[in-house]
Amino acid sequence: MKLILTYVIGLIFGLGISMSGMANPAKVLNFFDFFGVWDPSLMFVMGGAVTVSFFGYRWLFKRYETPAFEPKFIVPTSRTIDAKLVGGSLVFGVGWGIAGFCPGGALPALGTTDPNVWVFFGALVAGIFAAKFVMKQTANRSLKRA
């Protein structure tokens, strides 16, 4: 059942991304082109997603103590704005602005067989592994100093 629900939720997400045009890098890049062909639709898609998430999480946490298929809800608890958060946000935003893809928009676009999507996805995976490696090295250095 868990696998079926995961598939259905992923399908709904992918359809939403595709139908809203967010799997099209030109649409995303036009959002950042303030002095050219500016397209504000990304703002409305993001606003809709944030609104649904805001009310959905409030309803979910009020109604249920635990999730259906896990022992507990896993949500971020830290409210600290540190260099890791800011740096990661900057890298994410710059990558999104250059490529026109965010990871969520790239996943449904993999089905288009556009080589640019596959290059982006490869760079995304490489970046994830590079970030994990750097964080592990940083943690090891901190342990050696202590």
Protein backbone atom coordinates (compact mmCIF):
# COMPACT_ATOMS: atom_id res chain seq x y z
CA MET A 1 0.00 0.00 0.00
CA LYS A 2 2.85 2.37 0.87
CA LEU A 3 4.43 1.83 -2.55
CA ILE A 4 1.13 2.43 -4.35
CA LEU A 5 0.51 5.68 -2.45
CA THR A 6 4.07 6.81 -3.15
CA TYR A 7 3.50 6.21 -6.85
CA VAL A 8 0.14 8.02 -6.87
CA ILE A 9 1.56 11.05 -5.01
CA GLY A 10 4.54 11.18 -7.38
CA LEU A 11 2.20 10.94 -10.36
CA ILE A 12 0.07 13.81 -9.06
CA PHE A 13 3.20 15.91 -8.44
CA GLY A 14 4.59 15.15 -11.90
CA LEU A 15 1.29 15.97 -13.59
CA GLY A 16 1.05 19.23 -11.65
CA ILE A 17 4.60 20.24 -12.60
CA SER A 18 4.00 19.30 -16.24
CA MET A 19 0.58 20.94 -16.54
CA SER A 20 1.83 24.16 -14.95
CA GLY A 21 4.68 24.33 -17.46
CA MET A 22 7.37 24.18 -14.78
CA ALA A 23 9.07 21.26 -16.56
CA ASN A 24 9.82 23.68 -19.40
CA PRO A 25 13.12 25.49 -18.67
CA ALA A 26 12.18 28.40 -20.96
CA LYS A 27 9.13 29.15 -18.80
CA VAL A 28 11.24 29.12 -15.65
CA LEU A 29 14.00 31.24 -17.19
CA ASN A 30 11.42 33.78 -18.41
CA PHE A 31 10.41 34.30 -14.78
CA PHE A 32 13.94 35.60 -14.10
CA ASP A 33 14.00 37.79 -17.25
CA PHE A 34 12.65 40.99 -15.69
CA PHE A 35 13.68 43.22 -18.58
CA GLY A 36 12.72 40.86 -21.41
CA VAL A 37 9.87 38.41 -21.75
CA TRP A 38 8.99 38.28 -18.04
CA ASP A 39 6.51 35.52 -17.18
CA PRO A 40 5.07 35.81 -13.64
CA SER A 41 3.27 32.44 -13.76
CA LEU A 42 5.97 30.75 -11.65
CA MET A 43 5.06 33.12 -8.82
CA PHE A 44 1.45 31.89 -8.93
CA VAL A 45 2.46 28.22 -9.09
CA MET A 46 4.78 28.68 -6.09
CA GLY A 47 2.15 30.72 -4.24
CA GLY A 48 -0.42 27.99 -4.79
CA ALA A 49 2.00 25.29 -3.62
CA VAL A 50 2.95 27.22 -0.49
CA THR A 51 -0.70 27.91 0.35
CA VAL A 52 -1.74 24.27 -0.08
CA SER A 53 1.26 23.12 1.97
CA PHE A 54 0.61 25.64 4.73
CA PHE A 55 -2.98 24.62 5.28
CA GLY A 56 -2.33 20.93 4.50
CA TYR A 57 0.35 20.60 7.17
CA ARG A 58 -1.77 22.41 9.75
CA TRP A 59 -4.71 20.08 9.07
CA LEU A 60 -2.50 16.98 8.99
CA PHE A 61 -0.69 17.64 12.27
CA LYS A 62 -3.91 18.60 14.03
CA ARG A 63 -5.69 15.45 12.90
CA TYR A 64 -3.00 12.76 13.14
CA GLU A 65 -0.40 11.91 15.79
CA THR A 66 1.72 9.78 13.44
CA PRO A 67 1.85 9.13 9.69
CA ALA A 68 0.18 6.03 8.26
CA PHE A 69 3.35 4.21 7.18
CA GLU A 70 6.12 5.58 9.40
CA PRO A 71 6.64 5.72 13.17
CA LYS A 72 6.77 9.53 13.27
CA PHE A 73 6.60 12.67 11.15
CA ILE A 74 10.02 13.82 9.96
CA VAL A 75 10.08 17.61 9.78
CA PRO A 76 12.96 20.04 10.18
CA THR A 77 13.27 21.36 13.72
CA SER A 78 16.18 23.77 13.34
CA ARG A 79 15.33 27.43 12.87
CA THR A 80 18.98 28.48 12.63
CA ILE A 81 20.04 30.43 9.57
CA ASP A 82 23.68 29.45 9.14
CA ALA A 83 26.31 29.45 6.38
CA LYS A 84 25.32 25.94 5.26
CA LEU A 85 21.69 26.98 4.75
CA VAL A 86 22.54 30.25 3.00
CA GLY A 87 25.25 28.65 0.85
CA GLY A 88 23.01 25.78 -0.18
CA SER A 89 20.19 28.19 -1.01
CA LEU A 90 22.52 30.30 -3.15
CA VAL A 91 23.85 27.29 -5.05
CA PHE A 92 20.29 26.01 -5.55
CA GLY A 93 19.04 29.39 -6.79
CA VAL A 94 21.97 30.05 -9.11
CA GLY A 95 21.71 26.53 -10.57
CA TRP A 96 17.99 26.99 -11.07
CA GLY A 97 18.53 30.36 -12.74
CA ILE A 98 21.22 29.04 -15.07
CA ALA A 99 19.58 25.76 -16.05
CA GLY A 100 15.91 26.68 -15.81
CA PHE A 101 15.21 23.54 -13.82
CA CYS A 102 14.61 22.90 -10.19
CA PRO A 103 14.92 19.25 -9.12
CA GLY A 104 11.15 18.87 -8.87
CA GLY A 105 10.63 20.17 -12.40
CA ALA A 106 13.45 18.10 -13.85
CA LEU A 107 12.11 14.73 -12.69
CA PRO A 108 8.96 14.76 -14.86
CA ALA A 109 10.99 16.26 -17.72
CA LEU A 110 13.30 13.22 -17.75
CA GLY A 111 10.58 11.48 -19.74
CA THR A 112 10.99 13.96 -22.61
CA THR A 113 14.43 12.48 -23.41
CA ASP A 114 15.78 16.02 -23.84
CA PRO A 115 19.56 15.68 -23.37
CA ASN A 116 19.69 18.98 -21.45
CA VAL A 117 17.45 17.50 -18.77
CA TRP A 118 19.73 14.48 -18.43
CA VAL A 119 22.81 16.72 -18.19
CA PHE A 120 21.09 18.75 -15.48
CA PHE A 121 20.02 15.61 -13.63
CA GLY A 122 23.56 14.19 -13.81
CA ALA A 123 24.94 17.47 -12.44
CA LEU A 124 22.30 17.41 -9.70
CA VAL A 125 23.27 13.90 -8.59
CA ALA A 126 26.99 14.77 -8.76
CA GLY A 127 26.31 17.88 -6.67
CA ILE A 128 24.48 15.85 -4.04
CA PHE A 129 27.40 13.45 -3.71
CA ALA A 130 29.92 16.32 -3.69
CA ALA A 131 27.99 18.10 -0.93
CA LYS A 132 27.82 14.90 1.14
CA PHE A 133 31.56 14.39 0.67
CA VAL A 134 32.38 17.97 1.72
CA MET A 135 30.09 17.76 4.76
CA LYS A 136 31.69 14.47 5.80
CA GLN A 137 35.20 15.92 5.43
CA THR A 138 34.20 19.00 7.42
CA ALA A 139 32.72 16.85 10.19
CA ASN A 140 35.86 14.68 10.29
CA ARG A 141 38.07 17.77 10.63
CA SER A 142 35.89 19.07 13.44
CA LEU A 143 36.17 15.74 15.28
CA LYS A 144 39.96 15.70 14.93
CA ARG A 145 40.24 19.21 16.43
CA ALA A 146 38.06 18.34 19.42
